[in-house]
Amino acid sequence: MKNFVIIDGKGHLFGRLASICAKELLSGKKIVVLRSDKIEISGKHIKTKLKILSRFKKRTNTNSKRGPFHFRNPSLIFWKGVRGMLPHKIKKGTNALKRLRVYEGVPLAFWKIKKMVIPSALRVLKLAPGRKYSILGNISSEIGWTKKNFITETEENRESSNRKFFFDKKKIIKIIHNTKNINFRNKLIPVKSQ
């Protein structure tokens, strides 16, 4: 996990995050994007949903098993967005795409690892106040993604365990701080040598 750049996708704009990931992947970095279900898309919710639904009509006329394939889960929607920004039909692009991992929620392996935020892709900083936006996980669940409840449960478990760890850590720091204030020199008894 040392070589990976781990990004927390929550609060990031879809296109901005995808373009930054694509550029870094081409330069040779390995990227992991967590909480892809919390990635945000600028624009009205219904308009974005209809745009994604319109893609589902596009298929092979004779045999739809031949593609194009349209994904419903947020991780694969984001993966396909990054793929569109890479030259994925040549070796350099396919190798770059292999270096990308995208997850909904936070898997157990990444619970205690520090995650990055990309300020140039954050909605709070880049989208004007009052502008409408939609969350990729909500759109996916309306389209047919069925794992939203499971992901929210695991996220609640993770956050509760993190909260417990944080409060325990605060207690330990407070105890250490209190013991530093105690003057031990007055309480030490000198040992007599024989």
N, C-alpha and C. Protein backbone atom coordinates (compact mmCIF):
# COMPACT_ATOMS: atom_id res chain seq x y z
N MET A 1 0.81 -1.21 0.00
CA MET A 1 0.00 0.00 0.00
C MET A 1 0.86 1.28 0.00
N LYS A 2 2.18 1.10 0.16
CA LYS A 2 3.06 2.27 0.23
C LYS A 2 3.11 3.01 -1.09
N ASN A 3 3.07 2.26 -2.21
CA ASN A 3 3.22 2.88 -3.53
C ASN A 3 1.95 3.56 -4.01
N PHE A 4 0.81 3.27 -3.36
CA PHE A 4 -0.47 3.78 -3.83
C PHE A 4 -0.75 5.18 -3.32
N VAL A 5 -1.39 5.99 -4.17
CA VAL A 5 -1.95 7.27 -3.74
C VAL A 5 -3.41 6.98 -3.42
N ILE A 6 -3.80 7.14 -2.16
CA ILE A 6 -5.15 6.77 -1.73
C ILE A 6 -5.98 8.05 -1.60
N ILE A 7 -7.03 8.14 -2.40
CA ILE A 7 -7.88 9.33 -2.45
C ILE A 7 -9.25 9.00 -1.89
N ASP A 8 -9.74 9.87 -1.01
CA ASP A 8 -11.11 9.76 -0.50
C ASP A 8 -12.01 10.53 -1.46
N GLY A 9 -12.89 9.83 -2.16
CA GLY A 9 -13.70 10.45 -3.21
C GLY A 9 -14.83 11.33 -2.72
N LYS A 10 -15.14 11.30 -1.43
CA LYS A 10 -16.28 12.05 -0.90
C LYS A 10 -16.08 13.55 -1.11
N GLY A 11 -17.10 14.19 -1.71
CA GLY A 11 -17.07 15.63 -1.89
C GLY A 11 -16.34 16.12 -3.11
N HIS A 12 -15.78 15.22 -3.92
CA HIS A 12 -15.06 15.61 -5.13
C HIS A 12 -16.01 15.63 -6.32
N LEU A 13 -15.71 16.51 -7.26
CA LEU A 13 -16.48 16.56 -8.51
C LEU A 13 -15.96 15.48 -9.47
N PHE A 14 -16.89 14.80 -10.11
CA PHE A 14 -16.61 13.62 -10.94
C PHE A 14 -15.54 13.92 -12.00
N GLY A 15 -15.80 14.88 -12.86
CA GLY A 15 -14.92 15.15 -14.00
C GLY A 15 -13.55 15.64 -13.59
N ARG A 16 -13.51 16.52 -12.61
CA ARG A 16 -12.23 17.07 -12.15
C ARG A 16 -11.36 15.99 -11.52
N LEU A 17 -11.98 15.16 -10.70
CA LEU A 17 -11.23 14.07 -10.06
C LEU A 17 -10.76 13.06 -11.10
N ALA A 18 -11.63 12.74 -12.07
CA ALA A 18 -11.27 11.77 -13.11
C ALA A 18 -10.10 12.28 -13.95
N SER A 19 -10.10 13.56 -14.30
CA SER A 19 -9.02 14.10 -15.14
C SER A 19 -7.69 14.12 -14.39
N ILE A 20 -7.72 14.45 -13.10
CA ILE A 20 -6.49 14.45 -12.30
C ILE A 20 -5.96 13.03 -12.16
N CYS A 21 -6.87 12.07 -11.92
CA CYS A 21 -6.47 10.66 -11.81
C CYS A 21 -5.85 10.17 -13.11
N ALA A 22 -6.46 10.53 -14.25
CA ALA A 22 -5.96 10.10 -15.55
C ALA A 22 -4.54 10.62 -15.79
N LYS A 23 -4.32 11.87 -15.45
CA LYS A 23 -3.00 12.48 -15.66
C LYS A 23 -1.94 11.80 -14.79
N GLU A 24 -2.30 11.54 -13.53
CA GLU A 24 -1.35 10.90 -12.61
C GLU A 24 -1.09 9.44 -13.00
N LEU A 25 -2.12 8.76 -13.50
CA LEU A 25 -1.95 7.36 -13.94
C LEU A 25 -0.99 7.28 -15.13
N LEU A 26 -1.09 8.23 -16.04
CA LEU A 26 -0.19 8.25 -17.20
C LEU A 26 1.25 8.54 -16.80
N SER A 27 1.43 9.27 -15.69
CA SER A 27 2.79 9.56 -15.22
C SER A 27 3.39 8.38 -14.46
N GLY A 28 2.58 7.32 -14.19
CA GLY A 28 3.10 6.11 -13.59
C GLY A 28 2.69 5.85 -12.16
N LYS A 29 1.85 6.69 -11.59
CA LYS A 29 1.43 6.49 -10.20
C LYS A 29 0.30 5.47 -10.12
N LYS A 30 0.23 4.80 -8.97
CA LYS A 30 -0.86 3.87 -8.70
C LYS A 30 -1.87 4.60 -7.82
N ILE A 31 -3.14 4.56 -8.20
CA ILE A 31 -4.17 5.33 -7.50
C ILE A 31 -5.28 4.43 -7.02
N VAL A 32 -5.73 4.67 -5.78
CA VAL A 32 -6.90 4.00 -5.21
C VAL A 32 -7.89 5.08 -4.86
N VAL A 33 -9.11 4.99 -5.38
CA VAL A 33 -10.17 5.94 -5.05
C VAL A 33 -11.19 5.22 -4.18
N LEU A 34 -11.37 5.73 -2.96
CA LEU A 34 -12.33 5.15 -2.01
C LEU A 34 -13.59 6.00 -1.97
N ARG A 35 -14.67 5.42 -1.49
CA ARG A 35 -15.98 6.08 -1.35
C ARG A 35 -16.42 6.74 -2.67
N SER A 36 -16.35 5.95 -3.75
CA SER A 36 -16.77 6.46 -5.06
C SER A 36 -18.27 6.73 -5.10
N ASP A 37 -19.03 6.13 -4.18
CA ASP A 37 -20.47 6.38 -4.12
C ASP A 37 -20.78 7.78 -3.61
N LYS A 38 -19.79 8.47 -3.03
CA LYS A 38 -20.00 9.83 -2.51
C LYS A 38 -19.43 10.90 -3.44
N ILE A 39 -18.96 10.49 -4.63
CA ILE A 39 -18.48 11.46 -5.61
C ILE A 39 -19.68 12.26 -6.12
N GLU A 40 -19.47 13.56 -6.35
CA GLU A 40 -20.57 14.44 -6.73
C GLU A 40 -20.44 14.87 -8.19
N ILE A 41 -21.60 15.10 -8.81
CA ILE A 41 -21.65 15.55 -10.20
C ILE A 41 -22.40 16.87 -10.23
N SER A 42 -21.83 17.89 -10.87
CA SER A 42 -22.51 19.18 -10.93
C SER A 42 -23.71 19.11 -11.86
N GLY A 43 -24.74 19.85 -11.54
CA GLY A 43 -25.98 19.85 -12.32
C GLY A 43 -27.13 19.23 -11.56
N LYS A 44 -28.34 19.44 -12.08
CA LYS A 44 -29.53 18.92 -11.41
C LYS A 44 -29.52 17.40 -11.38
N HIS A 45 -30.10 16.86 -10.32
CA HIS A 45 -30.12 15.41 -10.11
C HIS A 45 -30.86 14.70 -11.26
N ILE A 46 -32.03 15.18 -11.61
CA ILE A 46 -32.85 14.51 -12.63
C ILE A 46 -32.19 14.57 -14.00
N LYS A 47 -31.52 15.71 -14.30
CA LYS A 47 -30.85 15.86 -15.58
C LYS A 47 -29.68 14.88 -15.71
N THR A 48 -28.92 14.75 -14.63
CA THR A 48 -27.79 13.81 -14.63
C THR A 48 -28.27 12.37 -14.74
N LYS A 49 -29.34 12.07 -14.02
CA LYS A 49 -29.91 10.72 -14.07
C LYS A 49 -30.39 10.37 -15.48
N LEU A 50 -31.08 11.32 -16.14
CA LEU A 50 -31.57 11.08 -17.49
C LEU A 50 -30.42 10.93 -18.49
N LYS A 51 -29.32 11.67 -18.25
CA LYS A 51 -28.15 11.57 -19.13
C LYS A 51 -27.54 10.17 -19.04
N ILE A 52 -27.46 9.64 -17.81
CA ILE A 52 -26.91 8.30 -17.62
C ILE A 52 -27.87 7.25 -18.18
N LEU A 53 -29.18 7.45 -17.97
CA LEU A 53 -30.17 6.50 -18.49
C LEU A 53 -30.19 6.47 -20.01
N SER A 54 -29.90 7.61 -20.65
CA SER A 54 -29.91 7.65 -22.12
C SER A 54 -28.80 6.77 -22.70
N ARG A 55 -27.73 6.57 -21.95
CA ARG A 55 -26.64 5.70 -22.40
C ARG A 55 -27.09 4.24 -22.47
N PHE A 56 -28.03 3.85 -21.62
CA PHE A 56 -28.45 2.45 -21.56
C PHE A 56 -29.18 2.03 -22.83
N LYS A 57 -29.70 2.99 -23.60
CA LYS A 57 -30.37 2.66 -24.85
C LYS A 57 -29.37 2.29 -25.95
N LYS A 58 -28.14 2.77 -25.81
CA LYS A 58 -27.13 2.53 -26.84
C LYS A 58 -26.56 1.13 -26.68
N ARG A 59 -26.85 0.27 -27.66
CA ARG A 59 -26.37 -1.11 -27.61
C ARG A 59 -26.23 -1.64 -29.03
N THR A 60 -25.64 -2.82 -29.14
CA THR A 60 -25.49 -3.46 -30.45
C THR A 60 -26.85 -3.90 -30.95
N ASN A 61 -27.18 -3.59 -32.18
CA ASN A 61 -28.51 -3.85 -32.73
C ASN A 61 -28.80 -5.34 -32.84
N THR A 62 -27.82 -6.12 -33.24
CA THR A 62 -28.06 -7.55 -33.46
C THR A 62 -27.94 -8.37 -32.19
N ASN A 63 -26.87 -8.15 -31.41
CA ASN A 63 -26.64 -8.93 -30.21
C ASN A 63 -26.10 -8.02 -29.11
N SER A 64 -26.92 -7.73 -28.11
CA SER A 64 -26.52 -6.78 -27.06
C SER A 64 -25.43 -7.31 -26.15
N LYS A 65 -25.14 -8.62 -26.23
CA LYS A 65 -24.05 -9.19 -25.42
C LYS A 65 -22.68 -8.73 -25.91
N ARG A 66 -22.64 -8.19 -27.11
CA ARG A 66 -21.36 -7.73 -27.68
C ARG A 66 -20.99 -6.33 -27.21
N GLY A 67 -21.88 -5.66 -26.52
CA GLY A 67 -21.57 -4.33 -25.99
C GLY A 67 -22.25 -3.24 -26.77
N PRO A 68 -22.07 -2.00 -26.46
CA PRO A 68 -21.29 -1.46 -25.35
C PRO A 68 -21.92 -1.78 -23.99
N PHE A 69 -21.08 -1.90 -22.98
CA PHE A 69 -21.54 -2.28 -21.65
C PHE A 69 -21.66 -1.05 -20.76
N HIS A 70 -22.79 -0.92 -20.09
CA HIS A 70 -23.06 0.23 -19.23
C HIS A 70 -23.19 -0.26 -17.80
N PHE A 71 -22.51 0.43 -16.92
CA PHE A 71 -22.44 -0.02 -15.54
C PHE A 71 -23.41 0.75 -14.65
N ARG A 72 -23.85 0.07 -13.59
CA ARG A 72 -24.78 0.69 -12.65
C ARG A 72 -24.11 1.05 -11.33
N ASN A 73 -23.03 0.36 -10.97
CA ASN A 73 -22.41 0.68 -9.69
C ASN A 73 -21.42 1.85 -9.83
N PRO A 74 -21.34 2.70 -8.81
CA PRO A 74 -20.56 3.95 -8.89
C PRO A 74 -19.09 3.75 -9.19
N SER A 75 -18.49 2.68 -8.66
CA SER A 75 -17.06 2.48 -8.88
C SER A 75 -16.76 2.25 -10.36
N LEU A 76 -17.61 1.48 -11.02
CA LEU A 76 -17.39 1.21 -12.44
C LEU A 76 -17.78 2.39 -13.33
N ILE A 77 -18.75 3.19 -12.89
CA ILE A 77 -19.09 4.42 -13.63
C ILE A 77 -17.90 5.37 -13.60
N PHE A 78 -17.28 5.51 -12.41
CA PHE A 78 -16.10 6.38 -12.30
C PHE A 78 -14.93 5.80 -13.09
N TRP A 79 -14.73 4.47 -13.00
CA TRP A 79 -13.66 3.81 -13.74
C TRP A 79 -13.80 4.07 -15.24
N LYS A 80 -15.04 3.99 -15.74
CA LYS A 80 -15.28 4.21 -17.16
C LYS A 80 -15.05 5.68 -17.54
N GLY A 81 -15.35 6.58 -16.61
CA GLY A 81 -15.08 8.00 -16.84
C GLY A 81 -13.59 8.28 -16.97
N VAL A 82 -12.79 7.62 -16.13
CA VAL A 82 -11.33 7.76 -16.21
C VAL A 82 -10.82 7.11 -17.49
N ARG A 83 -11.39 5.96 -17.84
CA ARG A 83 -10.98 5.26 -19.07
C ARG A 83 -11.17 6.13 -20.30
N GLY A 84 -12.24 6.92 -20.31
CA GLY A 84 -12.49 7.83 -21.43
C GLY A 84 -11.46 8.94 -21.55
N MET A 85 -10.71 9.20 -20.47
CA MET A 85 -9.69 10.25 -20.48
C MET A 85 -8.29 9.67 -20.72
N LEU A 86 -8.22 8.37 -20.94
CA LEU A 86 -6.94 7.70 -21.21
C LEU A 86 -6.94 7.10 -22.61
N PRO A 87 -5.78 6.99 -23.24
CA PRO A 87 -5.71 6.30 -24.53
C PRO A 87 -5.71 4.78 -24.30
N HIS A 88 -6.86 4.24 -23.86
CA HIS A 88 -6.92 2.87 -23.35
C HIS A 88 -6.76 1.80 -24.42
N LYS A 89 -6.72 2.19 -25.69
CA LYS A 89 -6.57 1.18 -26.75
C LYS A 89 -5.11 0.95 -27.12
N ILE A 90 -4.21 1.74 -26.54
CA ILE A 90 -2.78 1.49 -26.76
C ILE A 90 -2.17 1.03 -25.43
N LYS A 91 -0.98 0.46 -25.50
CA LYS A 91 -0.37 -0.19 -24.34
C LYS A 91 -0.17 0.77 -23.17
N LYS A 92 0.26 1.98 -23.45
CA LYS A 92 0.49 2.98 -22.39
C LYS A 92 -0.79 3.24 -21.60
N GLY A 93 -1.92 3.34 -22.31
CA GLY A 93 -3.21 3.59 -21.67
C GLY A 93 -3.74 2.40 -20.89
N THR A 94 -3.58 1.20 -21.45
CA THR A 94 -4.07 0.01 -20.73
C THR A 94 -3.26 -0.23 -19.46
N ASN A 95 -1.94 0.01 -19.53
CA ASN A 95 -1.11 -0.13 -18.33
C ASN A 95 -1.49 0.91 -17.28
N ALA A 96 -1.80 2.11 -17.73
CA ALA A 96 -2.22 3.17 -16.80
C ALA A 96 -3.54 2.79 -16.13
N LEU A 97 -4.46 2.24 -16.90
CA LEU A 97 -5.77 1.86 -16.37
C LEU A 97 -5.67 0.71 -15.37
N LYS A 98 -4.68 -0.17 -15.55
CA LYS A 98 -4.46 -1.27 -14.61
C LYS A 98 -3.99 -0.76 -13.25
N ARG A 99 -3.40 0.45 -13.23
CA ARG A 99 -2.91 1.02 -11.97
C ARG A 99 -3.99 1.72 -11.16
N LEU A 100 -5.22 1.72 -11.67
CA LEU A 100 -6.34 2.38 -10.97
C LEU A 100 -7.21 1.34 -10.29
N ARG A 101 -7.56 1.62 -9.01
CA ARG A 101 -8.53 0.82 -8.27
C ARG A 101 -9.58 1.75 -7.72
N VAL A 102 -10.84 1.36 -7.85
CA VAL A 102 -11.95 2.19 -7.36
C VAL A 102 -12.86 1.32 -6.51
N TYR A 103 -13.25 1.85 -5.33
CA TYR A 103 -14.10 1.10 -4.40
C TYR A 103 -15.27 1.96 -3.94
N GLU A 104 -16.41 1.29 -3.70
CA GLU A 104 -17.50 1.95 -2.98
C GLU A 104 -17.22 1.75 -1.50
N GLY A 105 -17.40 2.77 -0.71
CA GLY A 105 -17.11 2.66 0.71
C GLY A 105 -15.60 2.54 0.93
N VAL A 106 -15.23 2.08 2.13
CA VAL A 106 -13.82 1.91 2.47
C VAL A 106 -13.60 0.45 2.88
N PRO A 107 -12.86 -0.34 2.08
CA PRO A 107 -12.58 -1.72 2.46
C PRO A 107 -11.73 -1.79 3.74
N LEU A 108 -11.78 -2.93 4.41
CA LEU A 108 -11.06 -3.11 5.69
C LEU A 108 -9.57 -2.79 5.57
N ALA A 109 -8.95 -3.12 4.47
CA ALA A 109 -7.52 -2.90 4.29
C ALA A 109 -7.14 -1.41 4.36
N PHE A 110 -8.11 -0.53 4.07
CA PHE A 110 -7.83 0.91 4.02
C PHE A 110 -8.40 1.68 5.21
N TRP A 111 -8.91 0.99 6.22
CA TRP A 111 -9.55 1.67 7.35
C TRP A 111 -8.59 2.58 8.09
N LYS A 112 -7.38 2.12 8.33
CA LYS A 112 -6.44 2.86 9.17
C LYS A 112 -5.36 3.59 8.37
N ILE A 113 -5.50 3.62 7.06
CA ILE A 113 -4.53 4.30 6.21
C ILE A 113 -5.00 5.72 5.93
N LYS A 114 -4.06 6.66 5.96
CA LYS A 114 -4.40 8.06 5.73
C LYS A 114 -4.82 8.27 4.27
N LYS A 115 -5.90 9.02 4.08
CA LYS A 115 -6.44 9.25 2.75
C LYS A 115 -6.20 10.70 2.32
N MET A 116 -6.04 10.89 1.01
CA MET A 116 -5.78 12.23 0.47
C MET A 116 -7.06 12.88 -0.02
N VAL A 117 -7.03 14.21 -0.07
CA VAL A 117 -8.10 15.00 -0.67
C VAL A 117 -7.45 15.90 -1.71
N ILE A 118 -8.11 16.07 -2.85
CA ILE A 118 -7.55 16.91 -3.91
C ILE A 118 -8.33 18.23 -3.93
N PRO A 119 -7.73 19.33 -3.44
CA PRO A 119 -8.45 20.60 -3.34
C PRO A 119 -8.96 21.14 -4.69
N SER A 120 -8.21 20.88 -5.77
CA SER A 120 -8.64 21.39 -7.08
C SER A 120 -9.82 20.63 -7.65
N ALA A 121 -10.28 19.57 -6.96
CA ALA A 121 -11.44 18.80 -7.43
C ALA A 121 -12.59 18.83 -6.43
N LEU A 122 -12.44 19.53 -5.31
CA LEU A 122 -13.49 19.58 -4.30
C LEU A 122 -14.66 20.45 -4.75
N ARG A 123 -15.87 19.96 -4.55
CA ARG A 123 -17.06 20.72 -4.95
C ARG A 123 -17.18 22.01 -4.15
N VAL A 124 -16.86 21.96 -2.88
CA VAL A 124 -17.00 23.12 -1.99
C VAL A 124 -16.15 24.29 -2.49
N LEU A 125 -14.99 23.98 -3.07
CA LEU A 125 -14.08 25.03 -3.54
C LEU A 125 -14.30 25.42 -4.99
N LYS A 126 -14.78 24.50 -5.81
CA LYS A 126 -14.85 24.75 -7.25
C LYS A 126 -16.24 25.07 -7.78
N LEU A 127 -17.30 24.61 -7.12
CA LEU A 127 -18.65 24.87 -7.60
C LEU A 127 -19.20 26.09 -6.87
N ALA A 128 -19.82 26.99 -7.61
CA ALA A 128 -20.35 28.22 -7.01
C ALA A 128 -21.43 27.89 -5.98
N PRO A 129 -21.50 28.65 -4.89
CA PRO A 129 -22.52 28.38 -3.87
C PRO A 129 -23.93 28.50 -4.44
N GLY A 130 -24.78 27.59 -4.05
CA GLY A 130 -26.17 27.60 -4.54
C GLY A 130 -26.39 26.79 -5.80
N ARG A 131 -25.31 26.37 -6.45
CA ARG A 131 -25.46 25.55 -7.66
C ARG A 131 -25.88 24.13 -7.27
N LYS A 132 -26.68 23.54 -8.15
CA LYS A 132 -27.18 22.20 -7.85
C LYS A 132 -26.13 21.15 -8.20
N TYR A 133 -26.17 20.06 -7.45
CA TYR A 133 -25.27 18.93 -7.69
C TYR A 133 -25.98 17.65 -7.25
N SER A 134 -25.47 16.54 -7.71
CA SER A 134 -26.05 15.24 -7.34
C SER A 134 -24.93 14.30 -6.92
N ILE A 135 -25.30 13.30 -6.13
CA ILE A 135 -24.33 12.33 -5.62
C ILE A 135 -24.44 11.06 -6.45
N LEU A 136 -23.29 10.55 -6.87
CA LEU A 136 -23.23 9.40 -7.78
C LEU A 136 -23.90 8.16 -7.19
N GLY A 137 -23.77 7.94 -5.89
CA GLY A 137 -24.37 6.77 -5.24
C GLY A 137 -25.89 6.80 -5.29
N ASN A 138 -26.47 8.00 -5.12
CA ASN A 138 -27.93 8.14 -5.18
C ASN A 138 -28.46 7.85 -6.58
N ILE A 139 -27.76 8.37 -7.59
CA ILE A 139 -28.16 8.12 -8.98
C ILE A 139 -28.05 6.64 -9.30
N SER A 140 -26.95 6.02 -8.87
CA SER A 140 -26.73 4.59 -9.14
C SER A 140 -27.81 3.72 -8.51
N SER A 141 -28.21 4.07 -7.27
CA SER A 141 -29.24 3.27 -6.59
C SER A 141 -30.59 3.42 -7.29
N GLU A 142 -30.85 4.58 -7.89
CA GLU A 142 -32.10 4.77 -8.63
C GLU A 142 -32.07 4.06 -9.97
N ILE A 143 -30.88 3.88 -10.53
CA ILE A 143 -30.73 3.21 -11.82
C ILE A 143 -30.80 1.68 -11.67
N GLY A 144 -30.36 1.16 -10.52
CA GLY A 144 -30.43 -0.29 -10.35
C GLY A 144 -29.30 -0.88 -9.54
N TRP A 145 -28.46 -0.05 -8.93
CA TRP A 145 -27.39 -0.54 -8.04
C TRP A 145 -28.02 -0.96 -6.72
N THR A 146 -27.79 -2.19 -6.28
CA THR A 146 -28.51 -2.75 -5.13
C THR A 146 -27.71 -2.77 -3.83
N LYS A 147 -26.45 -2.36 -3.84
CA LYS A 147 -25.59 -2.51 -2.67
C LYS A 147 -25.53 -1.27 -1.78
N LYS A 148 -26.37 -0.27 -2.01
CA LYS A 148 -26.27 0.98 -1.25
C LYS A 148 -26.49 0.77 0.25
N ASN A 149 -27.48 -0.03 0.63
CA ASN A 149 -27.76 -0.27 2.05
C ASN A 149 -26.59 -0.96 2.74
N PHE A 150 -25.99 -1.93 2.06
CA PHE A 150 -24.85 -2.65 2.62
C PHE A 150 -23.66 -1.71 2.84
N ILE A 151 -23.41 -0.84 1.87
CA ILE A 151 -22.29 0.09 1.96
C ILE A 151 -22.51 1.09 3.10
N THR A 152 -23.75 1.60 3.25
CA THR A 152 -24.03 2.55 4.33
C THR A 152 -23.87 1.89 5.70
N GLU A 153 -24.25 0.62 5.83
CA GLU A 153 -24.07 -0.11 7.10
C GLU A 153 -22.59 -0.26 7.44
N THR A 154 -21.78 -0.66 6.47
CA THR A 154 -20.35 -0.83 6.73
C THR A 154 -19.68 0.50 7.04
N GLU A 155 -20.14 1.57 6.38
CA GLU A 155 -19.60 2.91 6.66
C GLU A 155 -19.93 3.34 8.09
N GLU A 156 -21.15 3.06 8.55
CA GLU A 156 -21.54 3.39 9.92
C GLU A 156 -20.68 2.61 10.92
N ASN A 157 -20.42 1.32 10.65
CA ASN A 157 -19.55 0.52 11.52
C ASN A 157 -18.14 1.10 11.58
N ARG A 158 -17.62 1.48 10.43
CA ARG A 158 -16.28 2.04 10.36
C ARG A 158 -16.19 3.35 11.13
N GLU A 159 -17.19 4.22 10.94
CA GLU A 159 -17.18 5.51 11.62
C GLU A 159 -17.33 5.36 13.13
N SER A 160 -18.15 4.40 13.58
CA SER A 160 -18.30 4.19 15.02
C SER A 160 -17.01 3.66 15.64
N SER A 161 -16.32 2.73 14.93
CA SER A 161 -15.05 2.22 15.46
C SER A 161 -13.98 3.31 15.47
N ASN A 162 -13.98 4.17 14.44
CA ASN A 162 -13.05 5.29 14.41
C ASN A 162 -13.31 6.27 15.55
N ARG A 163 -14.59 6.53 15.81
CA ARG A 163 -14.97 7.44 16.89
C ARG A 163 -14.51 6.89 18.24
N LYS A 164 -14.72 5.58 18.44
CA LYS A 164 -14.31 4.92 19.69
C LYS A 164 -12.79 5.01 19.86
N PHE A 165 -12.05 4.73 18.79
CA PHE A 165 -10.59 4.81 18.82
C PHE A 165 -10.13 6.22 19.18
N PHE A 166 -10.79 7.23 18.59
CA PHE A 166 -10.41 8.63 18.82
C PHE A 166 -10.62 9.02 20.28
N PHE A 167 -11.77 8.64 20.86
CA PHE A 167 -12.04 8.99 22.26
C PHE A 167 -11.09 8.26 23.20
N ASP A 168 -10.77 6.99 22.89
CA ASP A 168 -9.80 6.26 23.70
C ASP A 168 -8.42 6.92 23.65
N LYS A 169 -8.06 7.38 22.46
CA LYS A 169 -6.77 8.05 22.28
C LYS A 169 -6.74 9.36 23.07
N LYS A 170 -7.85 10.10 23.06
CA LYS A 170 -7.93 11.35 23.82
C LYS A 170 -7.76 11.09 25.32
N LYS A 171 -8.37 10.01 25.84
CA LYS A 171 -8.25 9.66 27.25
C LYS A 171 -6.80 9.36 27.61
N ILE A 172 -6.12 8.59 26.75
CA ILE A 172 -4.73 8.24 26.99
C ILE A 172 -3.85 9.49 27.00
N ILE A 173 -4.08 10.38 26.05
CA ILE A 173 -3.30 11.63 25.98
C ILE A 173 -3.52 12.47 27.23
N LYS A 174 -4.77 12.51 27.72
CA LYS A 174 -5.09 13.27 28.93
C LYS A 174 -4.37 12.67 30.14
N ILE A 175 -4.34 11.34 30.23
CA ILE A 175 -3.66 10.67 31.35
C ILE A 175 -2.16 10.98 31.30
N ILE A 176 -1.57 10.90 30.11
CA ILE A 176 -0.15 11.19 29.96
C ILE A 176 0.14 12.63 30.33
N HIS A 177 -0.73 13.54 29.89
CA HIS A 177 -0.55 14.96 30.20
C HIS A 177 -0.63 15.21 31.70
N ASN A 178 -1.55 14.54 32.38
CA ASN A 178 -1.69 14.70 33.83
C ASN A 178 -0.49 14.13 34.58
N THR A 179 0.07 13.02 34.09
CA THR A 179 1.24 12.44 34.77
C THR A 179 2.49 13.29 34.57
N LYS A 180 2.57 14.05 33.50
CA LYS A 180 3.71 14.94 33.28
C LYS A 180 3.72 16.08 34.30
N ASN A 181 2.54 16.50 34.73
CA ASN A 181 2.43 17.61 35.68
C ASN A 181 2.81 17.20 37.10
N ILE A 182 2.77 15.91 37.41
CA ILE A 182 3.11 15.44 38.75
C ILE A 182 4.62 15.49 38.93
N ASN A 183 5.05 16.02 40.06
CA ASN A 183 6.47 16.11 40.34
C ASN A 183 6.92 14.83 41.05
N PHE A 184 7.66 13.97 40.33
CA PHE A 184 8.05 12.68 40.88
C PHE A 184 9.30 12.79 41.78
N ARG A 185 10.06 13.86 41.67
CA ARG A 185 11.31 13.98 42.42
C ARG A 185 11.05 13.98 43.93
N ASN A 186 9.97 14.62 44.36
CA ASN A 186 9.66 14.68 45.80
C ASN A 186 9.23 13.31 46.32
N LYS A 187 8.70 12.47 45.46
CA LYS A 187 8.13 11.20 45.89
C LYS A 187 9.13 10.04 45.79
N LEU A 188 10.28 10.28 45.18
CA LEU A 188 11.27 9.22 45.04
C LEU A 188 12.01 9.02 46.37
N ILE A 189 12.20 7.79 46.73
CA ILE A 189 12.92 7.45 47.96
C ILE A 189 14.33 7.01 47.56
N PRO A 190 15.36 7.63 48.14
CA PRO A 190 16.73 7.24 47.76
C PRO A 190 17.05 5.83 48.26
N VAL A 191 17.75 5.08 47.45
CA VAL A 191 18.13 3.72 47.79
C VAL A 191 19.52 3.77 48.43
N LYS A 192 19.62 3.16 49.62
CA LYS A 192 20.91 3.15 50.34
C LYS A 192 21.75 2.00 49.82
N SER A 193 23.00 2.31 49.53
CA SER A 193 23.91 1.26 49.05
C SER A 193 24.50 0.52 50.25
N GLN A 194 24.79 -0.76 50.13
CA GLN A 194 25.32 -1.55 51.25
C GLN A 194 26.81 -1.73 51.18
